[in-house]
C-alpha atoms as a PDB file:
ATOM      1  CA  MET A   1      -4.372 -18.645  95.556  1.00  0.00           C
ATOM      2  CA  TYR A   2      -4.199 -22.168  96.905  1.00  0.00           C
ATOM      3  CA  VAL A   3      -5.674 -25.420  95.616  1.00  0.00           C
ATOM      4  CA  SER A   4      -6.236 -28.742  97.310  1.00  0.00           C
ATOM      5  CA  PRO A   5      -6.883 -32.178  95.816  1.00  0.00           C
ATOM      6  CA  ASN A   6      -8.365 -33.465  99.088  1.00  0.00           C
ATOM      7  CA  GLY A   7      -9.081 -30.545 101.426  1.00  0.00           C
ATOM      8  CA  LEU A   8      -6.181 -31.522 103.689  1.00  0.00           C
ATOM      9  CA  ALA A   9      -3.022 -30.735 101.730  1.00  0.00           C
ATOM     10  CA  TRP A  10      -2.956 -27.245 100.150  1.00  0.00           C
ATOM     11  CA  TYR A  11      -0.621 -26.080  97.388  1.00  0.00           C
ATOM     12  CA  PHE A  12       0.302 -22.580  96.274  1.00  0.00           C
ATOM     13  CA  ALA A  13      -1.213 -21.855  92.860  1.00  0.00           C
ATOM     14  CA  GLY A  14      -0.459 -18.165  92.381  1.00  0.00           C
ATOM     15  CA  ALA A  15      -0.307 -14.876  94.237  1.00  0.00           C
ATOM     16  CA  THR A  16      -2.528 -12.746  92.036  1.00  0.00           C
ATOM     17  CA  GLN A  17      -4.737 -12.907  89.013  1.00  0.00           C
ATOM     18  CA  ASN A  18      -4.830  -9.723  86.940  1.00  0.00           C
ATOM     19  CA  ILE A  19      -7.998  -9.577  84.860  1.00  0.00           C
ATOM     20  CA  PRO A  20      -8.428  -6.343  82.884  1.00  0.00           C
ATOM     21  CA  MET A  21     -12.113  -5.503  82.388  1.00  0.00           C
ATOM     22  CA  ASN A  22     -13.857  -2.460  80.998  1.00  0.00           C
ATOM     23  CA  ALA A  23     -17.429  -2.989  82.184  1.00  0.00           C
ATOM     24  CA  CYS A  24     -19.118  -3.544  85.520  1.00  0.00           C
ATOM     25  CA  ILE A  25     -18.510  -7.049  86.858  1.00  0.00           C
ATOM     26  CA  GLN A  26     -19.546  -9.202  89.796  1.00  0.00           C
ATOM     27  CA  VAL A  27     -16.903 -10.885  91.920  1.00  0.00           C
ATOM     28  CA  GLY A  28     -17.322 -14.017  94.005  1.00  0.00           C
ATOM     29  CA  LEU A  29     -15.592 -17.004  95.527  1.00  0.00           C
ATOM     30  CA  VAL A  30     -16.444 -20.656  95.027  1.00  0.00           C
ATOM     31  CA  ALA A  31     -15.759 -23.966  96.747  1.00  0.00           C
ATOM     32  CA  THR A  32     -16.338 -27.209  94.850  1.00  0.00           C
ATOM     33  CA  ASN A  33     -16.051 -30.924  95.457  1.00  0.00           C
ATOM     34  CA  TYR A  34     -15.695 -33.949  93.228  1.00  0.00           C
ATOM     35  CA  GLN A  35     -18.645 -35.974  94.497  1.00  0.00           C
ATOM     36  CA  GLN A  36     -22.173 -34.736  93.810  1.00  0.00           C
ATOM     37  CA  THR A  37     -23.609 -36.312  96.961  1.00  0.00           C
ATOM     38  CA  SER A  38     -21.106 -34.887  99.443  1.00  0.00           C
ATOM     39  CA  THR A  39     -21.044 -31.485 101.106  1.00  0.00           C
ATOM     40  CA  VAL A  40     -18.211 -28.998 101.117  1.00  0.00           C
ATOM     41  CA  THR A  41     -17.239 -26.313 103.621  1.00  0.00           C
ATOM     42  CA  ALA A  42     -14.841 -23.477 102.861  1.00  0.00           C
ATOM     43  CA  THR A  43     -13.229 -20.643 104.779  1.00  0.00           C
ATOM     44  CA  PHE A  44     -11.894 -17.727 102.742  1.00  0.00           C
ATOM     45  CA  ALA A  45      -9.237 -15.517 104.355  1.00  0.00           C
ATOM     46  CA  ASN A  46      -7.025 -12.623 103.236  1.00  0.00           C
ATOM     47  CA  VAL A  47      -9.197 -11.946 100.184  1.00  0.00           C
ATOM     48  CA  SER A  48      -8.888  -8.568  98.508  1.00  0.00           C
ATOM     49  CA  PHE A  49      -9.527  -6.824  95.228  1.00  0.00           C
ATOM     50  CA  TRP A  50      -8.324  -3.621  93.608  1.00  0.00           C
ATOM     51  CA  GLY A  51     -10.409  -1.105  91.760  1.00  0.00           C
ATOM     52  CA  ALA A  52     -12.929   1.597  92.500  1.00  0.00           C
ATOM     53  CA  MET A  53     -16.326   0.318  93.478  1.00  0.00           C
ATOM     54  CA  PRO A  54     -19.428   2.009  94.898  1.00  0.00           C
ATOM     55  CA  PRO A  55     -20.802   0.485  98.102  1.00  0.00           C
ATOM     56  CA  LEU A  56     -23.484  -2.173  97.664  1.00  0.00           C
ATOM     57  CA  VAL A  57     -27.050  -1.121  98.347  1.00  0.00           C
ATOM     58  CA  GLY A  58     -27.942  -2.332 101.816  1.00  0.00           C
ATOM     59  CA  ALA A  59     -24.335  -3.159 102.727  1.00  0.00           C
ATOM     60  CA  SER A  60     -23.501  -2.412 106.337  1.00  0.00           C
ATOM     61  CA  ALA A  61     -19.958  -1.294 105.480  1.00  0.00           C
ATOM     62  CA  PRO A  62     -18.293  -0.272 102.208  1.00  0.00           C
ATOM     63  CA  LEU A  63     -16.149  -2.906 100.524  1.00  0.00           C
ATOM     64  CA  ASN A  64     -12.456  -2.451  99.776  1.00  0.00           C
ATOM     65  CA  THR A  65     -12.066   0.530  97.450  1.00  0.00           C
ATOM     66  CA  LEU A  66      -8.338   0.527  96.883  1.00  0.00           C
ATOM     67  CA  ASN A  67      -7.401   1.759  93.460  1.00  0.00           C
ATOM     68  CA  GLU A  68      -4.677  -0.210  91.717  1.00  0.00           C
ATOM     69  CA  LEU A  69      -4.119   2.405  89.011  1.00  0.00           C
ATOM     70  CA  THR A  70      -2.698   5.664  90.266  1.00  0.00           C
ATOM     71  CA  THR A  71      -2.095   8.889  88.394  1.00  0.00           C
ATOM     72  CA  ASP A  72       1.315   9.538  89.924  1.00  0.00           C
ATOM     73  CA  ASN A  73       2.896   6.284  88.646  1.00  0.00           C
ATOM     74  CA  SER A  74       3.834   5.324  92.222  1.00  0.00           C
ATOM     75  CA  GLN A  75       2.640   1.816  91.402  1.00  0.00           C
ATOM     76  CA  GLN A  76       3.574  -0.023  88.241  1.00  0.00           C
ATOM     77  CA  ILE A  77       1.276  -2.650  86.810  1.00  0.00           C
ATOM     78  CA  SER A  78       2.695  -5.884  85.451  1.00  0.00           C
ATOM     79  CA  ASP A  79       0.846  -7.827  82.791  1.00  0.00           C
ATOM     80  CA  PHE A  80       1.435 -10.280  79.966  1.00  0.00           C
ATOM     81  CA  GLN A  81      -0.528 -12.253  77.389  1.00  0.00           C
ATOM     82  CA  THR A  82      -0.298 -15.889  76.299  1.00  0.00           C
ATOM     83  CA  TYR A  83      -1.327 -17.377  72.957  1.00  0.00           C
ATOM     84  CA  PRO A  84      -2.518 -19.623  71.491  1.00  0.00           C
ATOM     85  CA  ASN A  85      -4.642 -20.687  74.425  1.00  0.00           C
ATOM     86  CA  PRO A  86      -5.486 -23.531  74.367  1.00  0.00           C
ATOM     87  CA  THR A  87      -2.161 -24.721  72.980  1.00  0.00           C
ATOM     88  CA  SER A  88      -0.972 -28.090  71.763  1.00  0.00           C
ATOM     89  CA  GLY A  89       2.526 -27.411  73.079  1.00  0.00           C
ATOM     90  CA  GLU A  90       4.146 -24.210  71.834  1.00  0.00           C
ATOM     91  CA  LEU A  91       3.056 -21.199  73.865  1.00  0.00           C
ATOM     92  CA  ASN A  92       3.894 -17.571  73.090  1.00  0.00           C
ATOM     93  CA  VAL A  93       4.296 -15.303  76.107  1.00  0.00           C
ATOM     94  CA  ASN A  94       4.082 -11.606  75.241  1.00  0.00           C
ATOM     95  CA  LEU A  95       6.490  -9.770  77.563  1.00  0.00           C
ATOM     96  CA  ALA A  96       6.209  -6.322  75.937  1.00  0.00           C
ATOM     97  CA  GLN A  97       5.659  -4.632  79.311  1.00  0.00           C
ATOM     98  CA  TYR A  98       8.894  -6.161  80.630  1.00  0.00           C
ATOM     99  CA  LEU A  99      11.317  -4.920  77.940  1.00  0.00           C
ATOM    100  CA  GLY A 100      14.730  -4.217  79.472  1.00  0.00           C
ATOM    101  CA  ARG A 101      13.848  -6.042  82.693  1.00  0.00           C
ATOM    102  CA  GLU A 102      15.038  -9.291  84.206  1.00  0.00           C
ATOM    103  CA  VAL A 103      12.140 -11.782  84.335  1.00  0.00           C
ATOM    104  CA  ARG A 104      11.418 -15.293  85.440  1.00  0.00           C
ATOM    105  CA  VAL A 105       8.667 -17.247  83.656  1.00  0.00           C
ATOM    106  CA  GLU A 106       7.303 -20.213  85.602  1.00  0.00           C
ATOM    107  CA  VAL A 107       4.743 -22.870  84.647  1.00  0.00           C
ATOM    108  CA  TYR A 108       2.879 -24.584  87.491  1.00  0.00           C
ATOM    109  CA  SER A 109       0.450 -27.448  87.741  1.00  0.00           C
ATOM    110  CA  LEU A 110      -2.813 -26.643  89.524  1.00  0.00           C
ATOM    111  CA  THR A 111      -1.401 -28.421  92.574  1.00  0.00           C
ATOM    112  CA  GLY A 112       1.422 -25.870  92.725  1.00  0.00           C
ATOM    113  CA  GLN A 113       4.232 -28.018  91.323  1.00  0.00           C
ATOM    114  CA  LEU A 114       6.795 -26.028  89.322  1.00  0.00           C
ATOM    115  CA  LEU A 115       7.029 -27.784  85.931  1.00  0.00           C
ATOM    116  CA  HIS A 116       8.915 -25.378  83.670  1.00  0.00           C
ATOM    117  CA  LEU A 117      11.190 -22.402  84.308  1.00  0.00           C
ATOM    118  CA  VAL A 118      12.792 -19.805  82.040  1.00  0.00           C
ATOM    119  CA  GLU A 119      15.014 -17.019  83.386  1.00  0.00           C
ATOM    120  CA  ILE A 120      15.736 -14.055  81.131  1.00  0.00           C
ATOM    121  CA  GLU A 121      18.470 -11.633  82.190  1.00  0.00           C
ATOM    122  CA  GLU A 122      17.049  -8.805  80.076  1.00  0.00           C
ATOM    123  CA  VAL A 123      13.912  -9.022  77.951  1.00  0.00           C
ATOM    124  CA  GLN A 124      14.918  -7.857  74.465  1.00  0.00           C
ATOM    125  CA  THR A 125      12.092  -9.286  72.347  1.00  0.00           C
ATOM    126  CA  THR A 126       8.408  -8.936  73.083  1.00  0.00           C
ATOM    127  CA  VAL A 127       7.541 -12.628  72.648  1.00  0.00           C
ATOM    128  CA  GLU A 128       9.146 -15.563  74.469  1.00  0.00           C
ATOM    129  CA  GLN A 129       8.270 -19.018  73.135  1.00  0.00           C
ATOM    130  CA  LEU A 130       7.804 -21.859  75.606  1.00  0.00           C
ATOM    131  CA  ASP A 131       7.846 -25.504  74.560  1.00  0.00           C
ATOM    132  CA  LEU A 132       5.205 -27.198  76.718  1.00  0.00           C
ATOM    133  CA  SER A 133       4.879 -30.302  74.533  1.00  0.00           C
ATOM    134  CA  ALA A 134       6.156 -32.504  77.387  1.00  0.00           C
ATOM    135  CA  LEU A 135       3.171 -31.566  79.567  1.00  0.00           C
ATOM    136  CA  GLN A 136       0.054 -33.705  79.710  1.00  0.00           C
ATOM    137  CA  GLY A 137      -3.219 -32.242  78.521  1.00  0.00           C
ATOM    138  CA  GLY A 138      -4.821 -30.075  81.191  1.00  0.00           C
ATOM    139  CA  MET A 139      -4.876 -26.675  82.863  1.00  0.00           C
ATOM    140  CA  TYR A 140      -1.719 -24.913  84.064  1.00  0.00           C
ATOM    141  CA  LEU A 141      -0.665 -21.562  85.487  1.00  0.00           C
ATOM    142  CA  VAL A 142       1.992 -19.360  83.873  1.00  0.00           C
ATOM    143  CA  LYS A 143       3.556 -16.824  86.232  1.00  0.00           C
ATOM    144  CA  VAL A 144       5.859 -13.950  85.289  1.00  0.00           C
ATOM    145  CA  LYS A 145       8.045 -12.425  88.001  1.00  0.00           C
ATOM    146  CA  SER A 146      10.184  -9.313  87.788  1.00  0.00           C
ATOM    147  CA  ARG A 147      11.864  -7.226  90.477  1.00  0.00           C
ATOM    148  CA  GLU A 148       9.884  -4.255  91.746  1.00  0.00           C
ATOM    149  CA  LEU A 149       6.723  -5.413  89.941  1.00  0.00           C
ATOM    150  CA  PRO A 150       3.905  -7.566  91.258  1.00  0.00           C
ATOM    151  CA  ASP A 151       3.815 -11.142  89.967  1.00  0.00           C
ATOM    152  CA  ALA A 152       1.326 -11.736  87.151  1.00  0.00           C
ATOM    153  CA  THR A 153      -0.353 -15.090  86.474  1.00  0.00           C
ATOM    154  CA  ARG A 154      -2.316 -16.471  83.521  1.00  0.00           C
ATOM    155  CA  ARG A 155      -4.228 -19.717  83.232  1.00  0.00           C
ATOM    156  CA  ILE A 156      -3.525 -21.806  80.127  1.00  0.00           C
ATOM    157  CA  VAL A 157      -4.860 -25.044  78.716  1.00  0.00           C
ATOM    158  CA  VAL A 158      -2.662 -27.671  77.036  1.00  0.00           C
ATOM    159  CA  THR A 159      -4.536 -29.966  74.658  1.00  0.00           C
ATOM    160  CA  ARG A 160      -3.540 -33.340  73.286  1.00  0.00           C
ATOM    161  CA  GLY A 161      -4.951 -34.614  69.986  1.00  0.00           C
END
């Protein structure tokens, strides 16, 4: 994922977004601008999704039907939760799926600037607390990285009273 404040300079905002869902969903891409009277043009490249999906009625070719979850455990899924969200500063990051692993927790601005970093040699407790009270109110991305697992990213909101 990349974001741009002006359409010229692009910043890395996250590699993946894992969104567990139980029901049928629709997926799409969007391009927005800040001025109501201007037009916007977007080109989307290297877009993919994971999960089983029947072909669309009338589609000329079936869409990507890769299945992220396998029965032989050849792929491991990484995931974490954050709470409270929105937060006024203290954020809990549930790392239960990373117990015994080395992890790196990163907090990014939406422009891709790394703002906060925590490295844990071996996760021994399920919840890591982050103090984000120094951040301004707004939206941020929390990314968890661990060797041999895909990166996982969550969007959080920091509020100021």
